[in-house]
Amino acid sequence: MSPFPQSQQGWVLRMAEDQDAPGILAILNDIILTTTAVYTDRPESLADRLVWLHHRRAMGYPVLVAECLREGGIIGFASFGDFRGGWAGFRHTVEHSVHVRADARGRGVGQTLVATLIEQARSRGKHVLVASVDAENARSLHMHEKLGFTRVAYMPQVGCKFGRWLDLVMLQLVLSGDTPC
């Protein structure tokens, strides 16, 4: 039995494998080219994504995928990594990313991925999970707040894409109580 929740909508959650990298890459590159969810306009290569996947695994961090059972294929992915480059003082904090294929949005894929990442972070003894979301991405902001994240920063004009300035909202979820660090 899988340790991850199974959707009633025809998809399952599992840990990513190397053969999932093309599906992850397709989602990411579509998001890079068509949205402001990622503040870059440079598509990645398959080699880039494999390096990222292997690095996350080597760090002991999860990379989750949502796989469609009917047609096959990856419809979403999520992971977390070191916050602020892994400085020692931030060792109990991780920042996550979650991305869902355009035709699979609004079906609970992203929310399930993030809810599972929350449990993954807790099980690794992390204290805070951070999300950085484009200020215009109301659906992502709402989803994070529904999962208990709190808005902690609004950063105007920190990004630039598609010829305009972008504002960033940072949210955080405290995972453990008043435990000493």
N, C-alpha and C. Protein backbone atom coordinates (compact mmCIF):
# COMPACT_ATOMS: atom_id res chain seq x y z
N MET A 1 0.84 -1.18 0.00
CA MET A 1 0.00 0.00 0.00
C MET A 1 0.88 1.24 0.00
N SER A 2 0.50 2.23 -0.79
CA SER A 2 1.26 3.47 -0.90
C SER A 2 1.12 4.31 0.36
N PRO A 3 2.24 4.94 0.80
CA PRO A 3 2.15 5.82 1.97
C PRO A 3 1.50 7.16 1.64
N PHE A 4 1.14 7.38 0.38
CA PHE A 4 0.59 8.65 -0.07
C PHE A 4 -0.90 8.51 -0.35
N PRO A 5 -1.62 9.63 -0.23
CA PRO A 5 -3.05 9.58 -0.52
C PRO A 5 -3.31 9.29 -1.99
N GLN A 6 -4.39 8.58 -2.25
CA GLN A 6 -4.78 8.30 -3.64
C GLN A 6 -6.03 9.11 -3.93
N SER A 7 -6.04 9.77 -5.07
CA SER A 7 -7.17 10.58 -5.46
C SER A 7 -8.30 9.72 -5.97
N GLN A 8 -9.49 10.19 -5.76
CA GLN A 8 -10.66 9.54 -6.35
C GLN A 8 -10.87 10.03 -7.77
N GLN A 9 -10.03 10.93 -8.22
CA GLN A 9 -10.17 11.53 -9.55
C GLN A 9 -9.23 10.91 -10.58
N GLY A 10 -8.68 9.75 -10.30
CA GLY A 10 -7.90 9.06 -11.31
C GLY A 10 -6.42 9.36 -11.33
N TRP A 11 -5.84 9.78 -10.21
CA TRP A 11 -4.40 9.99 -10.17
C TRP A 11 -3.87 9.55 -8.81
N VAL A 12 -2.57 9.25 -8.79
CA VAL A 12 -1.92 8.82 -7.56
C VAL A 12 -0.68 9.66 -7.31
N LEU A 13 -0.32 9.73 -6.05
CA LEU A 13 0.89 10.42 -5.61
C LEU A 13 1.95 9.39 -5.31
N ARG A 14 3.21 9.71 -5.70
CA ARG A 14 4.33 8.83 -5.39
C ARG A 14 5.61 9.62 -5.48
N MET A 15 6.69 8.98 -5.02
CA MET A 15 8.01 9.61 -5.15
C MET A 15 8.44 9.56 -6.62
N ALA A 16 9.09 10.61 -7.06
CA ALA A 16 9.55 10.69 -8.44
C ALA A 16 10.71 9.74 -8.68
N GLU A 17 10.77 9.24 -9.88
CA GLU A 17 11.87 8.40 -10.36
C GLU A 17 12.50 9.09 -11.57
N ASP A 18 13.68 8.65 -11.95
CA ASP A 18 14.37 9.29 -13.08
C ASP A 18 13.50 9.35 -14.33
N GLN A 19 12.72 8.32 -14.59
CA GLN A 19 11.90 8.29 -15.81
C GLN A 19 10.76 9.31 -15.78
N ASP A 20 10.53 9.95 -14.61
CA ASP A 20 9.52 10.99 -14.51
C ASP A 20 10.05 12.36 -14.93
N ALA A 21 11.36 12.48 -15.08
CA ALA A 21 11.97 13.78 -15.38
C ALA A 21 11.40 14.43 -16.64
N PRO A 22 11.15 13.71 -17.74
CA PRO A 22 10.56 14.38 -18.91
C PRO A 22 9.17 14.97 -18.63
N GLY A 23 8.35 14.27 -17.85
CA GLY A 23 7.04 14.80 -17.50
C GLY A 23 7.13 16.02 -16.60
N ILE A 24 8.04 15.97 -15.63
CA ILE A 24 8.29 17.11 -14.76
C ILE A 24 8.77 18.29 -15.59
N LEU A 25 9.70 18.03 -16.50
CA LEU A 25 10.27 19.08 -17.35
C LEU A 25 9.20 19.72 -18.23
N ALA A 26 8.31 18.92 -18.80
CA ALA A 26 7.26 19.46 -19.66
C ALA A 26 6.37 20.43 -18.89
N ILE A 27 6.00 20.06 -17.66
CA ILE A 27 5.18 20.95 -16.84
C ILE A 27 5.94 22.22 -16.53
N LEU A 28 7.17 22.09 -16.05
CA LEU A 28 7.96 23.25 -15.67
C LEU A 28 8.17 24.19 -16.85
N ASN A 29 8.56 23.66 -18.00
CA ASN A 29 8.83 24.53 -19.14
C ASN A 29 7.57 25.22 -19.65
N ASP A 30 6.42 24.56 -19.58
CA ASP A 30 5.17 25.22 -19.94
C ASP A 30 4.89 26.37 -18.98
N ILE A 31 5.11 26.15 -17.70
CA ILE A 31 4.90 27.20 -16.70
C ILE A 31 5.88 28.35 -16.92
N ILE A 32 7.13 28.03 -17.21
CA ILE A 32 8.13 29.07 -17.47
C ILE A 32 7.71 29.93 -18.65
N LEU A 33 7.23 29.30 -19.71
CA LEU A 33 6.92 30.03 -20.95
C LEU A 33 5.58 30.75 -20.93
N THR A 34 4.65 30.34 -20.05
CA THR A 34 3.29 30.88 -20.14
C THR A 34 2.77 31.57 -18.88
N THR A 35 3.49 31.50 -17.77
CA THR A 35 2.98 32.08 -16.52
C THR A 35 4.07 32.86 -15.79
N THR A 36 3.67 33.50 -14.71
CA THR A 36 4.62 34.18 -13.84
C THR A 36 4.84 33.40 -12.55
N ALA A 37 4.49 32.14 -12.54
CA ALA A 37 4.67 31.31 -11.34
C ALA A 37 6.15 31.06 -11.06
N VAL A 38 6.98 31.10 -12.07
CA VAL A 38 8.43 30.93 -11.93
C VAL A 38 9.08 32.15 -12.57
N TYR A 39 9.94 32.83 -11.83
CA TYR A 39 10.52 34.08 -12.30
C TYR A 39 11.77 33.85 -13.15
N THR A 40 11.59 33.13 -14.23
CA THR A 40 12.62 32.99 -15.24
C THR A 40 11.93 32.83 -16.58
N ASP A 41 12.62 33.18 -17.65
CA ASP A 41 12.07 32.96 -18.98
C ASP A 41 12.93 31.97 -19.77
N ARG A 42 13.86 31.31 -19.06
CA ARG A 42 14.76 30.35 -19.69
C ARG A 42 14.27 28.93 -19.44
N PRO A 43 13.76 28.26 -20.48
CA PRO A 43 13.37 26.85 -20.31
C PRO A 43 14.57 26.01 -19.88
N GLU A 44 14.28 24.95 -19.17
CA GLU A 44 15.33 24.04 -18.71
C GLU A 44 15.48 22.87 -19.66
N SER A 45 16.60 22.19 -19.52
CA SER A 45 16.84 20.98 -20.31
C SER A 45 16.55 19.75 -19.44
N LEU A 46 16.48 18.61 -20.08
CA LEU A 46 16.29 17.37 -19.34
C LEU A 46 17.47 17.14 -18.40
N ALA A 47 18.66 17.46 -18.85
CA ALA A 47 19.84 17.31 -17.98
C ALA A 47 19.72 18.18 -16.74
N ASP A 48 19.21 19.42 -16.90
CA ASP A 48 19.00 20.31 -15.74
C ASP A 48 18.07 19.66 -14.73
N ARG A 49 16.96 19.11 -15.21
CA ARG A 49 15.97 18.53 -14.31
C ARG A 49 16.50 17.28 -13.62
N LEU A 50 17.29 16.49 -14.33
CA LEU A 50 17.86 15.29 -13.70
C LEU A 50 18.86 15.67 -12.62
N VAL A 51 19.67 16.71 -12.85
CA VAL A 51 20.59 17.19 -11.83
C VAL A 51 19.79 17.64 -10.61
N TRP A 52 18.73 18.40 -10.83
CA TRP A 52 17.86 18.88 -9.74
C TRP A 52 17.27 17.71 -8.96
N LEU A 53 16.74 16.72 -9.68
CA LEU A 53 16.13 15.54 -9.05
C LEU A 53 17.16 14.78 -8.22
N HIS A 54 18.32 14.54 -8.78
CA HIS A 54 19.37 13.80 -8.06
C HIS A 54 19.87 14.59 -6.85
N HIS A 55 19.99 15.91 -6.99
CA HIS A 55 20.43 16.74 -5.86
C HIS A 55 19.41 16.68 -4.72
N ARG A 56 18.13 16.80 -5.05
CA ARG A 56 17.10 16.74 -4.00
C ARG A 56 17.17 15.40 -3.28
N ARG A 57 17.29 14.33 -4.03
CA ARG A 57 17.39 13.00 -3.42
C ARG A 57 18.62 12.89 -2.53
N ALA A 58 19.76 13.39 -3.01
CA ALA A 58 21.01 13.31 -2.24
C ALA A 58 20.90 14.09 -0.93
N MET A 59 20.11 15.14 -0.93
CA MET A 59 19.89 15.94 0.28
C MET A 59 18.87 15.28 1.21
N GLY A 60 18.24 14.20 0.75
CA GLY A 60 17.22 13.54 1.56
C GLY A 60 15.87 14.21 1.48
N TYR A 61 15.66 15.02 0.44
CA TYR A 61 14.41 15.73 0.28
C TYR A 61 13.50 15.01 -0.73
N PRO A 62 12.21 15.05 -0.49
CA PRO A 62 11.30 14.36 -1.40
C PRO A 62 11.06 15.13 -2.69
N VAL A 63 10.84 14.39 -3.75
CA VAL A 63 10.29 14.94 -4.98
C VAL A 63 9.07 14.08 -5.27
N LEU A 64 7.90 14.68 -5.16
CA LEU A 64 6.65 13.97 -5.35
C LEU A 64 6.11 14.23 -6.74
N VAL A 65 5.46 13.23 -7.31
CA VAL A 65 4.75 13.42 -8.57
C VAL A 65 3.32 12.92 -8.40
N ALA A 66 2.42 13.55 -9.13
CA ALA A 66 1.05 13.07 -9.27
C ALA A 66 0.97 12.49 -10.66
N GLU A 67 0.59 11.22 -10.73
CA GLU A 67 0.54 10.51 -12.01
C GLU A 67 -0.90 10.17 -12.35
N CYS A 68 -1.29 10.47 -13.58
CA CYS A 68 -2.63 10.17 -14.06
C CYS A 68 -2.73 8.67 -14.35
N LEU A 69 -3.74 8.03 -13.81
CA LEU A 69 -3.90 6.59 -13.98
C LEU A 69 -4.47 6.22 -15.35
N ARG A 70 -5.35 7.04 -15.87
CA ARG A 70 -6.00 6.70 -17.15
C ARG A 70 -5.06 6.84 -18.33
N GLU A 71 -4.56 8.05 -18.54
CA GLU A 71 -3.71 8.30 -19.71
C GLU A 71 -2.23 8.10 -19.41
N GLY A 72 -1.90 7.97 -18.13
CA GLY A 72 -0.49 7.95 -17.76
C GLY A 72 0.04 9.37 -17.81
N GLY A 73 1.23 9.53 -17.39
CA GLY A 73 1.87 10.85 -17.45
C GLY A 73 1.78 11.60 -16.14
N ILE A 74 2.71 12.49 -15.97
CA ILE A 74 2.81 13.29 -14.76
C ILE A 74 1.92 14.53 -14.93
N ILE A 75 1.06 14.77 -13.93
CA ILE A 75 0.17 15.93 -13.98
C ILE A 75 0.54 16.98 -12.92
N GLY A 76 1.51 16.67 -12.08
CA GLY A 76 1.96 17.64 -11.10
C GLY A 76 3.19 17.13 -10.38
N PHE A 77 3.93 18.06 -9.78
CA PHE A 77 5.10 17.66 -9.00
C PHE A 77 5.34 18.70 -7.91
N ALA A 78 6.02 18.28 -6.87
CA ALA A 78 6.34 19.18 -5.77
C ALA A 78 7.57 18.67 -5.04
N SER A 79 8.28 19.61 -4.42
CA SER A 79 9.46 19.26 -3.65
C SER A 79 9.76 20.41 -2.70
N PHE A 80 10.69 20.19 -1.80
CA PHE A 80 11.24 21.30 -1.02
C PHE A 80 12.74 21.15 -0.97
N GLY A 81 13.37 22.27 -0.69
CA GLY A 81 14.82 22.31 -0.59
C GLY A 81 15.24 23.31 0.46
N ASP A 82 16.54 23.44 0.63
CA ASP A 82 17.08 24.36 1.62
C ASP A 82 16.58 25.78 1.39
N PHE A 83 16.30 26.48 2.47
CA PHE A 83 15.90 27.87 2.43
C PHE A 83 17.14 28.74 2.49
N ARG A 84 17.19 29.74 1.63
CA ARG A 84 18.28 30.71 1.59
C ARG A 84 19.65 30.07 1.41
N GLY A 85 19.71 29.06 0.56
CA GLY A 85 20.98 28.47 0.22
C GLY A 85 21.57 27.52 1.24
N GLY A 86 20.79 27.17 2.23
CA GLY A 86 21.27 26.19 3.19
C GLY A 86 22.16 26.72 4.29
N TRP A 87 22.14 28.03 4.56
CA TRP A 87 22.91 28.57 5.68
C TRP A 87 22.52 27.82 6.94
N ALA A 88 23.48 27.54 7.82
CA ALA A 88 23.27 26.72 9.01
C ALA A 88 22.12 27.23 9.88
N GLY A 89 21.97 28.52 10.01
CA GLY A 89 20.92 29.07 10.84
C GLY A 89 19.52 28.81 10.31
N PHE A 90 19.43 28.45 9.03
CA PHE A 90 18.14 28.15 8.41
C PHE A 90 17.91 26.64 8.25
N ARG A 91 18.71 25.82 8.92
CA ARG A 91 18.66 24.37 8.70
C ARG A 91 17.31 23.74 9.04
N HIS A 92 16.49 24.41 9.82
CA HIS A 92 15.18 23.86 10.20
C HIS A 92 14.05 24.39 9.31
N THR A 93 14.42 25.14 8.28
CA THR A 93 13.45 25.76 7.37
C THR A 93 13.71 25.28 5.95
N VAL A 94 12.63 24.93 5.26
CA VAL A 94 12.72 24.55 3.86
C VAL A 94 11.70 25.36 3.06
N GLU A 95 11.98 25.53 1.79
CA GLU A 95 11.07 26.23 0.87
C GLU A 95 10.61 25.24 -0.18
N HIS A 96 9.33 25.26 -0.46
CA HIS A 96 8.80 24.29 -1.41
C HIS A 96 8.38 24.94 -2.72
N SER A 97 8.23 24.08 -3.71
CA SER A 97 7.63 24.48 -4.99
C SER A 97 6.64 23.39 -5.38
N VAL A 98 5.58 23.81 -6.02
CA VAL A 98 4.54 22.89 -6.49
C VAL A 98 4.03 23.41 -7.82
N HIS A 99 3.93 22.50 -8.78
CA HIS A 99 3.46 22.89 -10.11
C HIS A 99 2.55 21.80 -10.66
N VAL A 100 1.46 22.24 -11.29
CA VAL A 100 0.46 21.33 -11.83
C VAL A 100 0.26 21.64 -13.30
N ARG A 101 0.16 20.57 -14.10
CA ARG A 101 -0.08 20.71 -15.53
C ARG A 101 -1.36 21.52 -15.77
N ALA A 102 -1.36 22.36 -16.77
CA ALA A 102 -2.48 23.29 -17.01
C ALA A 102 -3.83 22.58 -17.06
N ASP A 103 -3.91 21.44 -17.71
CA ASP A 103 -5.21 20.76 -17.86
C ASP A 103 -5.63 19.99 -16.61
N ALA A 104 -4.81 19.98 -15.58
CA ALA A 104 -5.13 19.25 -14.34
C ALA A 104 -5.37 20.19 -13.16
N ARG A 105 -5.32 21.48 -13.40
CA ARG A 105 -5.52 22.44 -12.30
C ARG A 105 -6.97 22.46 -11.86
N GLY A 106 -7.17 22.76 -10.58
CA GLY A 106 -8.52 22.84 -10.04
C GLY A 106 -9.11 21.51 -9.64
N ARG A 107 -8.30 20.46 -9.62
CA ARG A 107 -8.78 19.11 -9.26
C ARG A 107 -8.20 18.61 -7.94
N GLY A 108 -7.53 19.49 -7.21
CA GLY A 108 -6.98 19.11 -5.91
C GLY A 108 -5.58 18.54 -5.97
N VAL A 109 -4.97 18.52 -7.13
CA VAL A 109 -3.63 17.95 -7.29
C VAL A 109 -2.62 18.76 -6.48
N GLY A 110 -2.59 20.07 -6.67
CA GLY A 110 -1.64 20.92 -5.96
C GLY A 110 -1.83 20.85 -4.46
N GLN A 111 -3.07 20.92 -4.01
CA GLN A 111 -3.34 20.87 -2.58
C GLN A 111 -2.88 19.55 -1.97
N THR A 112 -3.11 18.45 -2.66
CA THR A 112 -2.68 17.15 -2.16
C THR A 112 -1.16 17.06 -2.13
N LEU A 113 -0.51 17.58 -3.16
CA LEU A 113 0.96 17.58 -3.18
C LEU A 113 1.53 18.38 -2.02
N VAL A 114 0.99 19.57 -1.78
CA VAL A 114 1.52 20.41 -0.69
C VAL A 114 1.20 19.79 0.66
N ALA A 115 -0.02 19.26 0.83
CA ALA A 115 -0.36 18.62 2.11
C ALA A 115 0.60 17.47 2.41
N THR A 116 0.98 16.73 1.39
CA THR A 116 1.91 15.63 1.57
C THR A 116 3.31 16.15 1.86
N LEU A 117 3.71 17.24 1.21
CA LEU A 117 5.01 17.85 1.53
C LEU A 117 5.07 18.32 2.98
N ILE A 118 3.96 18.84 3.48
CA ILE A 118 3.92 19.28 4.88
C ILE A 118 4.27 18.10 5.79
N GLU A 119 3.67 16.96 5.54
CA GLU A 119 3.95 15.77 6.36
C GLU A 119 5.38 15.30 6.17
N GLN A 120 5.88 15.38 4.94
CA GLN A 120 7.26 14.99 4.66
C GLN A 120 8.24 15.91 5.42
N ALA A 121 7.96 17.20 5.44
CA ALA A 121 8.83 18.14 6.16
C ALA A 121 8.78 17.86 7.67
N ARG A 122 7.59 17.63 8.19
CA ARG A 122 7.46 17.31 9.63
C ARG A 122 8.25 16.05 9.97
N SER A 123 8.13 15.04 9.12
CA SER A 123 8.80 13.77 9.41
C SER A 123 10.32 13.91 9.37
N ARG A 124 10.81 14.95 8.72
CA ARG A 124 12.26 15.21 8.66
C ARG A 124 12.69 16.21 9.73
N GLY A 125 11.80 16.54 10.65
CA GLY A 125 12.14 17.43 11.74
C GLY A 125 12.26 18.89 11.37
N LYS A 126 11.67 19.30 10.27
CA LYS A 126 11.72 20.70 9.86
C LYS A 126 10.74 21.51 10.71
N HIS A 127 11.06 22.77 10.91
CA HIS A 127 10.26 23.63 11.77
C HIS A 127 9.34 24.56 10.97
N VAL A 128 9.82 25.04 9.82
CA VAL A 128 9.02 25.97 9.01
C VAL A 128 9.11 25.57 7.55
N LEU A 129 7.96 25.66 6.87
CA LEU A 129 7.88 25.44 5.42
C LEU A 129 7.48 26.78 4.80
N VAL A 130 8.27 27.24 3.84
CA VAL A 130 8.08 28.54 3.19
C VAL A 130 7.55 28.33 1.78
N ALA A 131 6.66 29.25 1.37
CA ALA A 131 6.17 29.29 0.00
C ALA A 131 6.36 30.70 -0.54
N SER A 132 6.85 30.82 -1.74
CA SER A 132 6.97 32.11 -2.42
C SER A 132 6.05 32.06 -3.64
N VAL A 133 5.06 32.95 -3.67
CA VAL A 133 4.01 32.88 -4.68
C VAL A 133 3.85 34.24 -5.36
N ASP A 134 3.74 34.24 -6.68
CA ASP A 134 3.48 35.46 -7.41
C ASP A 134 2.19 36.08 -6.87
N ALA A 135 2.21 37.38 -6.62
CA ALA A 135 1.08 38.06 -5.98
C ALA A 135 -0.21 37.96 -6.79
N GLU A 136 -0.11 37.75 -8.09
CA GLU A 136 -1.32 37.64 -8.92
C GLU A 136 -1.88 36.22 -8.97
N ASN A 137 -1.20 35.26 -8.36
CA ASN A 137 -1.64 33.86 -8.40
C ASN A 137 -2.61 33.60 -7.23
N ALA A 138 -3.82 34.12 -7.38
CA ALA A 138 -4.82 34.04 -6.31
C ALA A 138 -5.15 32.60 -5.94
N ARG A 139 -5.19 31.70 -6.91
CA ARG A 139 -5.52 30.30 -6.61
C ARG A 139 -4.46 29.66 -5.71
N SER A 140 -3.20 29.92 -6.00
CA SER A 140 -2.14 29.34 -5.18
C SER A 140 -2.13 29.97 -3.79
N LEU A 141 -2.32 31.27 -3.72
CA LEU A 141 -2.38 31.93 -2.41
C LEU A 141 -3.52 31.36 -1.57
N HIS A 142 -4.68 31.21 -2.18
CA HIS A 142 -5.84 30.66 -1.46
C HIS A 142 -5.56 29.23 -1.00
N MET A 143 -4.99 28.40 -1.88
CA MET A 143 -4.69 27.01 -1.52
C MET A 143 -3.74 26.95 -0.34
N HIS A 144 -2.69 27.76 -0.36
CA HIS A 144 -1.74 27.75 0.75
C HIS A 144 -2.40 28.18 2.05
N GLU A 145 -3.20 29.22 1.99
CA GLU A 145 -3.88 29.68 3.20
C GLU A 145 -4.87 28.63 3.71
N LYS A 146 -5.52 27.92 2.82
CA LYS A 146 -6.43 26.84 3.21
C LYS A 146 -5.67 25.74 3.96
N LEU A 147 -4.40 25.54 3.62
CA LEU A 147 -3.57 24.53 4.27
C LEU A 147 -2.89 25.05 5.54
N GLY A 148 -3.17 26.29 5.92
CA GLY A 148 -2.64 26.83 7.16
C GLY A 148 -1.48 27.78 7.04
N PHE A 149 -1.02 28.06 5.82
CA PHE A 149 0.07 29.01 5.63
C PHE A 149 -0.42 30.42 5.94
N THR A 150 0.50 31.24 6.43
CA THR A 150 0.22 32.64 6.75
C THR A 150 1.08 33.53 5.87
N ARG A 151 0.48 34.59 5.34
CA ARG A 151 1.26 35.57 4.57
C ARG A 151 2.17 36.32 5.55
N VAL A 152 3.45 36.35 5.23
CA VAL A 152 4.41 37.01 6.11
C VAL A 152 5.18 38.13 5.42
N ALA A 153 5.12 38.21 4.10
CA ALA A 153 5.83 39.28 3.40
C ALA A 153 5.18 39.54 2.04
N TYR A 154 5.15 40.81 1.71
CA TYR A 154 4.74 41.25 0.37
C TYR A 154 5.90 42.04 -0.18
N MET A 155 6.46 41.57 -1.29
CA MET A 155 7.66 42.18 -1.83
C MET A 155 7.37 42.73 -3.22
N PRO A 156 7.09 44.02 -3.32
CA PRO A 156 6.75 44.60 -4.62
C PRO A 156 7.95 44.68 -5.56
N GLN A 157 7.68 44.39 -6.81
CA GLN A 157 8.61 44.59 -7.92
C GLN A 157 9.96 43.90 -7.74
N VAL A 158 9.98 42.70 -7.15
CA VAL A 158 11.23 41.97 -6.99
C VAL A 158 11.54 41.08 -8.19
N GLY A 159 10.56 40.87 -9.05
CA GLY A 159 10.76 40.04 -10.23
C GLY A 159 10.42 40.82 -11.48
N CYS A 160 10.93 40.33 -12.60
CA CYS A 160 10.63 40.94 -13.89
C CYS A 160 10.46 39.83 -14.91
N LYS A 161 9.33 39.84 -15.59
CA LYS A 161 9.06 38.83 -16.62
C LYS A 161 7.98 39.37 -17.54
N PHE A 162 8.03 38.99 -18.78
CA PHE A 162 7.06 39.44 -19.78
C PHE A 162 7.00 40.97 -19.85
N GLY A 163 8.14 41.62 -19.59
CA GLY A 163 8.23 43.06 -19.71
C GLY A 163 7.54 43.85 -18.61
N ARG A 164 7.29 43.22 -17.47
CA ARG A 164 6.65 43.96 -16.37
C ARG A 164 7.22 43.51 -15.03
N TRP A 165 7.08 44.37 -14.04
CA TRP A 165 7.54 44.06 -12.69
C TRP A 165 6.54 43.14 -12.01
N LEU A 166 7.08 42.22 -11.20
CA LEU A 166 6.25 41.23 -10.51
C LEU A 166 6.42 41.35 -9.00
N ASP A 167 5.31 41.20 -8.31
CA ASP A 167 5.31 41.25 -6.85
C ASP A 167 5.26 39.83 -6.31
N LEU A 168 5.93 39.61 -5.20
CA LEU A 168 6.02 38.28 -4.59
C LEU A 168 5.40 38.30 -3.20
N VAL A 169 4.64 37.26 -2.90
CA VAL A 169 4.10 37.07 -1.56
C VAL A 169 4.81 35.87 -0.96
N MET A 170 5.31 36.04 0.25
CA MET A 170 5.93 34.92 0.96
C MET A 170 4.97 34.49 2.06
N LEU A 171 4.80 33.17 2.16
CA LEU A 171 3.95 32.57 3.18
C LEU A 171 4.77 31.56 3.94
N GLN A 172 4.36 31.27 5.17
CA GLN A 172 5.05 30.23 5.92
C GLN A 172 4.05 29.45 6.75
N LEU A 173 4.44 28.23 7.03
CA LEU A 173 3.68 27.35 7.91
C LEU A 173 4.65 26.84 8.97
N VAL A 174 4.35 27.14 10.23
CA VAL A 174 5.16 26.60 11.32
C VAL A 174 4.71 25.17 11.56
N LEU A 175 5.63 24.23 11.43
CA LEU A 175 5.32 22.81 11.46
C LEU A 175 5.36 22.19 12.85
N SER A 176 6.20 22.76 13.69
CA SER A 176 6.33 22.21 15.05
C SER A 176 6.09 23.34 16.04
N GLY A 177 5.64 22.99 17.22
CA GLY A 177 5.32 23.98 18.24
C GLY A 177 6.55 24.74 18.71
N ASP A 178 6.61 25.03 19.95
CA ASP A 178 7.71 25.81 20.52
C ASP A 178 8.90 24.93 20.87
N THR A 179 9.26 24.05 19.96
CA THR A 179 10.41 23.18 20.20
C THR A 179 11.70 23.98 20.08
N PRO A 180 12.67 23.70 20.93
CA PRO A 180 13.95 24.41 20.83
C PRO A 180 14.67 24.03 19.54
N CYS A 181 15.47 24.95 19.05
CA CYS A 181 16.18 24.65 17.80
C CYS A 181 17.50 23.95 18.02
